[in-house]
Amino acid sequence: MKKINIGLIGCGNVGSGVVKILRDKKTLLSEKIGLEINLKKICDKDLSSKRNVHIDKDLLTGDAKDIINDPQIDIVVELIGGLHPAKEFITEAIKKGKNIVTANKALLAEHGAELFALAKDTGKSIYFEASVGGGIPIIKALREGLVANKFNSVFGIVNGTSNFVLSEMSANNCEFHKALSEAKLRGFAEKDPTLDIEGLDSAHKLVILTYLCFGKLVSLKDVFIEGISRISLADINYAKELGFEIKLLAIAKKEDGQLQVRVHPTLIPENHLLSSVAGVFNAIYVSSDLAGNLLFYGPGAGQLSAASAVVSDLVDLTQDLKAGLFRPTMNSVEDKSITKLCKIDDVSGRYYIHFTVLDKPGVLAKIAGILAKFGISIASVSQKVKSHSQQAVPVVIIIHEAKEKNLRLALAAIDRLNVVKEKSVAIRIEEV
């Protein structure tokens, strides 16, 4: 039986999971693929700490060059994350004739074009199933299972931390900071959760999904990003009253020849499948011309779910090596019907708007007047009851479809009114 040698750079949580799977499932994998996947060397900066899986000390090294320069190693698995030195390690490994497996969504979003071009030029592959959705096989599904399809849109709940926070607020009627503290306590949020709750992690994944669906490798700066830190419990509950749930969505959709790429809190109907995605689970909802609407759902993080995706890539690569095949990693075809990227100012849609105003006659008329000045039509208004301790009262308005730029100008004018006591909150509505 032919042996394929693997070098692993980064043996943290996911890396340890990969070691565990390759050890515990060694016989099963060999029987299924007709090859032995041999973990030849592991590089990690921390060689002394105990791991939750036994590793032979002879396999460990603190120098990635011991893997990159080893001519017997066929595949390098990069699981250290971040941009540097991950980029340098992968670049050198490709130049040394190695194929790559990575879970590094930030690196692919920022430098994917360069790395994929290098891999193609050298006849090597970069596989990255674990970069989006943890154990959900969304990359393989988009590249292979739906290869004949053209895509209309993709809506993703792709960050478990943010989804847990919003779910916790909704289910347990608690404020944002309490929900975030619970996420940290349960290990679902980093000590500094900024990348997650402010939407950057979701944006990295959206860049990858956008390329797979539409063949356009957009720059991260072209993605509109808005996080969930301004979402209050009041917004969660008002949305429920209106028949919606609030989710942080990564959205790429084609409309009138333009491609929208955006990450932001979104009101979606409570009867939609995405509304029921709770906790740290992820889901990607894809609309295609042949297969129709599809939902991919599962744990978006976790040691073994992410490691499972890494092993899936290893199996694909070993099969390619066994057959002597080279498959270009990013073989998506550009959707020629898309003529340009749509800037957020030009996006049109419906909005939920939460104002905090003094309870005085004429306030609603002033707000409606400013909205009308910018061509914005009101669909519904709900003024909440003021408690004895309140100096101001919440007013919730749903507007008909309006252009983002016009809404922002209107809200800036409204927020300058002396009867408005807090900055207004506007959340986009998607029917999905």
Protein backbone atom coordinates (compact mmCIF):
# COMPACT_ATOMS: atom_id res chain seq x y z
CA MET A 1 0.00 0.00 0.00
CA LYS A 2 1.38 3.37 -1.04
CA LYS A 3 2.12 5.80 1.76
CA ILE A 4 1.44 9.54 1.57
CA ASN A 5 3.46 11.57 4.07
CA ILE A 6 1.89 14.54 5.84
CA GLY A 7 3.52 17.43 7.67
CA LEU A 8 1.37 19.38 10.15
CA ILE A 9 2.23 23.00 11.03
CA GLY A 10 0.20 24.05 14.05
CA CYS A 11 -0.96 21.55 16.65
CA GLY A 12 -3.47 23.53 18.67
CA ASN A 13 -7.09 22.62 19.11
CA VAL A 14 -7.88 21.70 15.48
CA GLY A 15 -4.41 20.31 14.82
CA SER A 16 -4.74 17.95 17.79
CA GLY A 17 -8.10 16.87 16.37
CA VAL A 18 -6.46 16.03 13.05
CA VAL A 19 -3.82 13.94 14.85
CA LYS A 20 -6.55 12.14 16.76
CA ILE A 21 -8.60 11.34 13.64
CA LEU A 22 -5.59 10.14 11.64
CA ARG A 23 -4.63 7.90 14.54
CA ASP A 24 -8.05 6.56 15.52
CA LYS A 25 -9.37 6.21 11.96
CA LYS A 26 -6.15 5.01 10.36
CA THR A 27 -7.42 1.56 9.39
CA LEU A 28 -10.79 2.84 8.18
CA LEU A 29 -9.19 5.54 6.04
CA SER A 30 -6.67 3.10 4.55
CA GLU A 31 -9.44 0.65 3.64
CA LYS A 32 -11.54 3.39 2.04
CA ILE A 33 -8.86 5.12 -0.02
CA GLY A 34 -6.30 2.37 -0.60
CA LEU A 35 -3.52 4.53 0.81
CA GLU A 36 -1.82 5.05 4.13
CA ILE A 37 -1.90 8.65 5.34
CA ASN A 38 1.27 8.90 7.43
CA LEU A 39 1.77 11.85 9.78
CA LYS A 40 5.54 12.21 9.43
CA LYS A 41 6.26 15.45 11.28
CA ILE A 42 4.43 18.01 13.47
CA CYS A 43 5.62 21.57 13.97
CA ASP A 44 4.37 23.70 16.84
CA LYS A 45 5.82 26.65 18.74
CA ASP A 46 4.77 25.04 22.02
CA LEU A 47 6.51 21.70 22.46
CA SER A 48 6.12 21.31 26.21
CA SER A 49 2.41 21.71 27.01
CA LYS A 50 0.19 18.67 27.39
CA ARG A 51 -2.27 18.03 24.56
CA ASN A 52 -5.52 16.10 24.63
CA VAL A 53 -4.00 13.52 22.30
CA HIS A 54 -0.78 11.55 22.71
CA ILE A 55 1.95 12.58 20.29
CA ASP A 56 5.28 10.79 19.93
CA LYS A 57 7.98 13.31 20.84
CA ASP A 58 10.03 12.16 17.85
CA LEU A 59 7.38 13.64 15.57
CA LEU A 60 7.62 17.13 17.08
CA THR A 61 9.73 20.03 15.89
CA GLY A 62 9.76 23.75 16.57
CA ASP A 63 11.03 24.63 13.11
CA ALA A 64 8.60 24.63 10.15
CA LYS A 65 11.55 24.24 7.76
CA ASP A 66 11.90 20.66 8.99
CA ILE A 67 8.58 20.01 7.25
CA ILE A 68 8.85 22.40 4.29
CA ASN A 69 12.32 21.16 3.27
CA ASP A 70 11.61 17.45 3.77
CA PRO A 71 11.48 15.88 0.28
CA GLN A 72 9.52 12.90 1.60
CA ILE A 73 6.57 15.02 2.74
CA ASP A 74 3.85 15.26 0.08
CA ILE A 75 1.22 17.44 1.81
CA VAL A 76 1.62 20.30 4.28
CA VAL A 77 -1.32 21.06 6.59
CA GLU A 78 -1.25 24.65 7.87
CA LEU A 79 -3.34 25.23 11.01
CA ILE A 80 -1.60 28.13 12.75
CA GLY A 81 -4.02 30.76 11.43
CA GLY A 82 -3.36 34.46 10.86
CA LEU A 83 -1.53 36.08 7.97
CA HIS A 84 2.11 35.75 9.02
CA PRO A 85 4.07 33.52 9.11
CA ALA A 86 1.32 31.32 7.61
CA LYS A 87 1.61 32.98 4.21
CA GLU A 88 5.38 32.51 4.13
CA PHE A 89 5.12 28.87 5.21
CA ILE A 90 2.55 28.04 2.54
CA THR A 91 4.44 29.94 -0.17
CA GLU A 92 7.70 28.13 0.57
CA ALA A 93 5.98 24.76 0.84
CA ILE A 94 4.36 25.19 -2.60
CA LYS A 95 7.69 26.21 -4.10
CA LYS A 96 9.19 23.07 -2.58
CA GLY A 97 6.59 20.95 -4.39
CA LYS A 98 4.09 20.41 -1.58
CA ASN A 99 0.32 20.41 -1.82
CA ILE A 100 -1.48 22.40 0.88
CA VAL A 101 -4.43 21.88 3.20
CA THR A 102 -5.45 24.88 5.30
CA ALA A 103 -8.30 26.18 7.45
CA ASN A 104 -6.99 29.75 7.24
CA LYS A 105 -9.93 31.86 5.97
CA ALA A 106 -8.25 35.17 6.82
CA LEU A 107 -5.19 34.31 4.75
CA LEU A 108 -7.26 33.12 1.78
CA ALA A 109 -9.47 36.21 1.92
CA GLU A 110 -6.49 38.58 2.05
CA HIS A 111 -3.92 36.77 -0.12
CA GLY A 112 -5.86 33.99 -1.85
CA ALA A 113 -5.38 35.34 -5.39
CA GLU A 114 -1.59 35.31 -5.00
CA LEU A 115 -1.43 31.88 -3.35
CA PHE A 116 -3.83 30.18 -5.76
CA ALA A 117 -1.93 31.62 -8.74
CA LEU A 118 1.35 30.29 -7.34
CA ALA A 119 -0.17 26.86 -6.74
CA LYS A 120 -1.58 26.73 -10.27
CA ASP A 121 1.72 27.78 -11.83
CA THR A 122 3.57 25.04 -9.97
CA GLY A 123 0.94 22.34 -10.52
CA LYS A 124 0.02 22.11 -6.84
CA SER A 125 -3.28 22.41 -4.99
CA ILE A 126 -4.56 24.30 -1.97
CA TYR A 127 -7.55 22.67 -0.29
CA PHE A 128 -9.51 24.62 2.32
CA GLU A 129 -12.75 22.88 3.32
CA ALA A 130 -12.32 23.79 7.00
CA SER A 131 -12.06 27.52 6.23
CA VAL A 132 -15.85 28.01 6.06
CA GLY A 133 -18.52 26.35 8.18
CA GLY A 134 -16.32 24.00 10.23
CA GLY A 135 -17.44 20.46 9.46
CA ILE A 136 -20.14 21.49 6.96
CA PRO A 137 -18.93 20.30 3.51
CA ILE A 138 -19.93 23.55 1.81
CA ILE A 139 -16.73 24.06 -0.23
CA LYS A 140 -16.93 20.62 -1.82
CA ALA A 141 -20.65 21.02 -2.44
CA LEU A 142 -20.20 24.34 -4.26
CA ARG A 143 -17.16 23.21 -6.27
CA GLU A 144 -18.29 19.72 -7.17
CA GLY A 145 -21.81 18.77 -6.07
CA LEU A 146 -23.35 21.90 -7.65
CA VAL A 147 -20.84 22.28 -10.48
CA ALA A 148 -23.52 22.68 -13.20
CA ASN A 149 -25.42 25.36 -11.30
CA LYS A 150 -25.42 29.12 -11.56
CA PHE A 151 -26.03 30.88 -8.28
CA ASN A 152 -28.37 33.72 -7.46
CA SER A 153 -27.45 34.29 -3.83
CA VAL A 154 -25.82 32.89 -0.74
CA PHE A 155 -26.84 33.82 2.81
CA GLY A 156 -24.61 32.51 5.58
CA ILE A 157 -24.67 32.32 9.34
CA VAL A 158 -20.96 31.58 9.43
CA ASN A 159 -19.77 32.81 12.83
CA GLY A 160 -20.70 30.69 15.83
CA THR A 161 -19.80 33.31 18.43
CA SER A 162 -22.13 35.96 17.04
CA ASN A 163 -24.90 33.45 16.46
CA PHE A 164 -24.61 32.20 20.03
CA VAL A 165 -24.82 35.76 21.40
CA LEU A 166 -27.93 36.63 19.37
CA SER A 167 -29.53 33.27 20.17
CA GLU A 168 -28.81 33.70 23.87
CA MET A 169 -30.34 37.18 23.86
CA SER A 170 -33.43 35.86 22.09
CA ALA A 171 -33.91 32.66 24.10
CA ASN A 172 -33.03 33.95 27.59
CA ASN A 173 -34.11 37.59 27.33
CA CYS A 174 -30.70 38.97 28.22
CA GLU A 175 -28.70 41.97 27.06
CA PHE A 176 -25.76 41.79 24.64
CA HIS A 177 -22.95 42.02 27.20
CA LYS A 178 -24.44 39.29 29.40
CA ALA A 179 -24.83 37.00 26.38
CA LEU A 180 -21.23 37.68 25.32
CA SER A 181 -19.99 36.93 28.85
CA GLU A 182 -21.84 33.61 28.72
CA ALA A 183 -20.21 32.83 25.37
CA LYS A 184 -16.77 33.46 26.89
CA LEU A 185 -17.61 31.38 29.97
CA ARG A 186 -18.60 28.43 27.79
CA GLY A 187 -15.60 28.73 25.51
CA PHE A 188 -17.57 29.95 22.50
CA ALA A 189 -15.88 33.37 22.37
CA GLU A 190 -12.27 34.48 22.43
CA LYS A 191 -10.92 36.70 25.19
CA ASP A 192 -10.99 39.46 22.55
CA PRO A 193 -14.05 38.60 20.42
CA THR A 194 -13.82 41.68 18.16
CA LEU A 195 -13.20 39.75 14.92
CA ASP A 196 -16.32 37.69 15.55
CA ILE A 197 -18.85 40.17 16.88
CA GLU A 198 -17.82 42.97 14.52
CA GLY A 199 -18.25 40.76 11.47
CA LEU A 200 -14.69 40.48 10.12
CA ASP A 201 -14.51 36.71 10.54
CA SER A 202 -17.78 36.37 8.60
CA ALA A 203 -16.42 38.70 5.91
CA HIS A 204 -13.34 36.51 5.42
CA LYS A 205 -15.59 33.53 4.84
CA LEU A 206 -17.88 35.52 2.56
CA VAL A 207 -14.95 36.36 0.26
CA ILE A 208 -14.36 32.62 -0.19
CA LEU A 209 -18.05 31.80 -0.72
CA THR A 210 -18.40 34.65 -3.22
CA TYR A 211 -15.60 33.28 -5.36
CA LEU A 212 -16.99 29.77 -5.32
CA CYS A 213 -20.49 30.93 -6.24
CA PHE A 214 -19.78 33.79 -8.64
CA GLY A 215 -16.18 33.36 -9.75
CA LYS A 216 -15.14 36.77 -8.44
CA LEU A 217 -12.37 37.01 -5.85
CA VAL A 218 -13.46 40.28 -4.25
CA SER A 219 -11.19 42.30 -2.03
CA LEU A 220 -12.02 42.45 1.65
CA LYS A 221 -12.30 46.24 1.34
CA ASP A 222 -15.19 45.72 -1.10
CA VAL A 223 -17.22 43.90 1.56
CA PHE A 224 -19.52 46.08 3.66
CA ILE A 225 -19.08 44.97 7.29
CA GLU A 226 -21.24 45.81 10.29
CA GLY A 227 -21.20 43.87 13.55
CA ILE A 228 -23.76 43.09 16.24
CA SER A 229 -22.45 45.13 19.18
CA ARG A 230 -25.20 47.77 18.84
CA ILE A 231 -28.04 45.20 18.85
CA SER A 232 -30.04 45.56 22.06
CA LEU A 233 -32.43 43.20 23.77
CA ALA A 234 -35.17 45.68 22.88
CA ASP A 235 -34.35 45.24 19.18
CA ILE A 236 -34.46 41.46 19.56
CA ASN A 237 -37.89 41.62 21.21
CA TYR A 238 -39.35 44.26 18.88
CA ALA A 239 -38.24 42.17 15.92
CA LYS A 240 -40.01 39.14 17.42
CA GLU A 241 -43.21 41.15 17.77
CA LEU A 242 -42.99 41.90 14.06
CA GLY A 243 -42.41 38.24 13.16
CA PHE A 244 -38.63 38.36 12.65
CA GLU A 245 -35.41 37.03 14.16
CA ILE A 246 -32.12 38.95 14.03
CA LYS A 247 -29.10 37.11 12.64
CA LEU A 248 -25.64 38.21 11.56
CA LEU A 249 -25.69 37.28 7.88
CA ALA A 250 -22.91 37.11 5.31
CA ILE A 251 -24.67 37.91 2.04
CA ALA A 252 -23.58 37.66 -1.58
CA LYS A 253 -26.30 38.10 -4.14
CA LYS A 254 -26.70 39.00 -7.77
CA GLU A 255 -29.29 41.63 -8.62
CA ASP A 256 -29.73 43.50 -11.91
CA GLY A 257 -26.24 42.58 -13.08
CA GLN A 258 -24.60 43.79 -9.88
CA LEU A 259 -23.03 41.76 -7.09
CA GLN A 260 -23.69 42.70 -3.48
CA VAL A 261 -21.24 41.48 -0.80
CA ARG A 262 -22.10 42.49 2.74
CA VAL A 263 -22.06 41.34 6.36
CA HIS A 264 -24.49 42.84 8.86
CA PRO A 265 -27.27 42.11 11.37
CA THR A 266 -30.41 41.22 9.46
CA LEU A 267 -34.08 40.73 10.22
CA ILE A 268 -35.30 37.51 8.60
CA PRO A 269 -38.82 36.04 8.83
CA GLU A 270 -39.29 33.78 11.85
CA ASN A 271 -40.59 30.97 9.62
CA HIS A 272 -37.43 30.87 7.49
CA LEU A 273 -35.03 27.98 8.01
CA LEU A 274 -32.17 30.32 8.94
CA SER A 275 -34.20 31.75 11.83
CA SER A 276 -34.08 28.41 13.63
CA VAL A 277 -30.28 28.15 13.48
CA ALA A 278 -29.31 28.67 17.12
CA GLY A 279 -26.25 28.61 19.33
CA VAL A 280 -22.85 28.03 17.75
CA PHE A 281 -24.32 26.27 14.73
CA ASN A 282 -23.67 27.59 11.23
CA ALA A 283 -25.85 27.46 8.14
CA ILE A 284 -25.38 28.47 4.52
CA TYR A 285 -28.48 29.00 2.40
CA VAL A 286 -27.76 28.83 -1.33
CA SER A 287 -30.10 29.72 -4.20
CA SER A 288 -29.21 28.07 -7.52
CA ASP A 289 -30.82 27.71 -10.94
CA LEU A 290 -30.90 23.90 -11.14
CA ALA A 291 -30.90 22.52 -7.59
CA GLY A 292 -33.07 25.33 -6.24
CA ASN A 293 -32.72 26.50 -2.66
CA LEU A 294 -30.41 24.47 -0.43
CA LEU A 295 -29.52 24.73 3.25
CA PHE A 296 -26.23 23.40 4.60
CA TYR A 297 -26.31 23.17 8.40
CA GLY A 298 -24.06 21.95 11.16
CA PRO A 299 -21.54 22.84 13.87
CA GLY A 300 -19.46 25.74 12.59
CA ALA A 301 -16.56 25.20 14.96
CA GLY A 302 -15.17 22.66 17.38
CA GLN A 303 -12.12 20.50 17.38
CA LEU A 304 -13.39 17.37 15.65
CA SER A 305 -15.84 19.01 13.22
CA ALA A 306 -13.12 21.29 11.82
CA ALA A 307 -10.57 18.46 11.91
CA SER A 308 -13.02 16.26 9.99
CA ALA A 309 -13.03 18.85 7.19
CA VAL A 310 -9.22 18.90 7.16
CA VAL A 311 -9.09 15.11 6.87
CA SER A 312 -11.63 15.26 4.04
CA ASP A 313 -9.22 17.51 2.13
CA LEU A 314 -6.35 15.15 2.89
CA VAL A 315 -8.30 12.26 1.43
CA ASP A 316 -9.12 14.22 -1.73
CA LEU A 317 -5.49 15.18 -2.19
CA THR A 318 -4.19 11.67 -1.58
CA GLN A 319 -6.60 10.36 -4.22
CA ASP A 320 -5.31 12.96 -6.67
CA LEU A 321 -1.71 11.99 -5.91
CA LYS A 322 -2.55 8.30 -6.25
CA ALA A 323 -4.07 8.88 -9.68
CA GLY A 324 -1.37 11.32 -10.78
CA LEU A 325 -3.95 14.07 -11.27
CA PHE A 326 -3.77 17.81 -10.80
CA ARG A 327 -7.04 19.63 -10.18
CA PRO A 328 -6.85 23.43 -10.08
CA THR A 329 -7.94 24.49 -6.62
CA MET A 330 -10.04 27.47 -7.65
CA ASN A 331 -11.63 26.38 -10.90
CA SER A 332 -14.74 28.55 -10.61
CA VAL A 333 -15.87 30.29 -13.79
CA GLU A 334 -16.63 34.00 -13.60
CA ASP A 335 -20.32 34.86 -13.88
CA LYS A 336 -20.27 37.13 -16.94
CA SER A 337 -23.76 38.45 -16.19
CA ILE A 338 -22.28 40.41 -13.28
CA THR A 339 -21.03 43.75 -14.56
CA LYS A 340 -19.92 45.40 -11.33
CA LEU A 341 -19.87 45.32 -7.55
CA CYS A 342 -22.74 47.18 -5.92
CA LYS A 343 -21.61 49.71 -3.31
CA ILE A 344 -23.56 49.69 -0.06
CA ASP A 345 -24.87 53.21 -0.75
CA ASP A 346 -26.65 51.88 -3.82
CA VAL A 347 -28.24 48.84 -2.16
CA SER A 348 -32.00 49.10 -1.84
CA GLY A 349 -34.09 47.27 0.72
CA ARG A 350 -36.54 47.42 3.58
CA TYR A 351 -35.40 48.48 7.05
CA TYR A 352 -36.36 48.24 10.69
CA ILE A 353 -35.57 51.53 12.48
CA HIS A 354 -35.56 52.03 16.25
CA PHE A 355 -35.74 55.64 17.46
CA THR A 356 -35.55 56.84 21.07
CA VAL A 357 -37.47 60.12 21.34
CA LEU A 358 -39.21 62.40 23.80
CA ASP A 359 -42.89 61.61 24.20
CA LYS A 360 -44.19 64.89 22.84
CA PRO A 361 -46.80 65.83 20.23
CA GLY A 362 -45.42 66.29 16.73
CA VAL A 363 -42.33 64.09 17.10
CA LEU A 364 -43.58 61.41 14.70
CA ALA A 365 -44.58 64.11 12.22
CA LYS A 366 -41.02 65.52 12.27
CA ILE A 367 -39.51 62.07 11.69
CA ALA A 368 -41.98 61.25 8.90
CA GLY A 369 -41.31 64.61 7.28
CA ILE A 370 -37.56 64.04 7.11
CA LEU A 371 -38.02 60.51 5.77
CA ALA A 372 -40.39 61.85 3.11
CA LYS A 373 -37.85 64.52 2.15
CA PHE A 374 -35.46 61.72 1.17
CA GLY A 375 -38.13 59.73 -0.66
CA ILE A 376 -38.62 57.15 2.09
CA SER A 377 -42.08 55.71 2.69
CA ILE A 378 -43.24 54.33 6.04
CA ALA A 379 -44.88 50.88 6.10
CA SER A 380 -45.70 50.70 9.82
CA VAL A 381 -45.16 52.57 13.09
CA SER A 382 -45.19 51.25 16.63
CA GLN A 383 -44.72 53.51 19.66
CA LYS A 384 -43.87 51.60 22.82
CA VAL A 385 -45.31 52.40 26.23
CA LYS A 386 -43.05 54.57 28.37
CA SER A 387 -42.32 53.42 31.91
CA HIS A 388 -42.27 55.87 34.83
CA SER A 389 -38.46 55.83 34.95
CA GLN A 390 -38.03 56.60 31.26
CA GLN A 391 -37.29 60.07 29.96
CA ALA A 392 -37.85 58.96 26.38
CA VAL A 393 -39.95 56.43 24.49
CA PRO A 394 -38.97 53.86 21.83
CA VAL A 395 -40.55 54.20 18.41
CA VAL A 396 -40.14 51.40 15.86
CA ILE A 397 -40.72 52.07 12.16
CA ILE A 398 -40.63 49.68 9.24
CA ILE A 399 -40.03 51.41 5.93
CA HIS A 400 -40.74 50.32 2.37
CA GLU A 401 -37.81 49.71 0.04
CA ALA A 402 -35.33 52.56 0.08
CA LYS A 403 -31.77 53.19 -1.06
CA GLU A 404 -29.16 52.90 1.70
CA LYS A 405 -27.59 56.27 0.95
CA ASN A 406 -30.93 58.07 1.26
CA LEU A 407 -31.73 56.30 4.51
CA ARG A 408 -28.36 57.21 6.03
CA LEU A 409 -28.81 60.87 5.10
CA ALA A 410 -32.32 60.86 6.57
CA LEU A 411 -31.21 59.22 9.82
CA ALA A 412 -28.35 61.68 10.22
CA ALA A 413 -30.85 64.53 9.96
CA ILE A 414 -33.30 62.86 12.35
CA ASP A 415 -30.58 62.17 14.93
CA ARG A 416 -29.82 65.90 15.03
CA LEU A 417 -33.34 66.70 16.24
CA ASN A 418 -33.41 67.82 19.89
CA VAL A 419 -36.29 65.42 20.58
CA VAL A 420 -34.14 62.41 19.60
CA LYS A 421 -32.20 61.18 22.63
CA GLU A 422 -30.11 58.31 21.25
CA LYS A 423 -28.57 57.45 17.90
CA SER A 424 -31.12 55.60 15.81
CA VAL A 425 -30.66 51.91 15.05
CA ALA A 426 -31.38 50.72 11.50
CA ILE A 427 -31.35 47.03 10.65
CA ARG A 428 -31.81 45.67 7.15
CA ILE A 429 -34.65 43.26 6.38
CA GLU A 430 -34.12 40.31 4.03
CA GLU A 431 -36.91 38.01 2.89
CA VAL A 432 -34.17 35.56 1.75
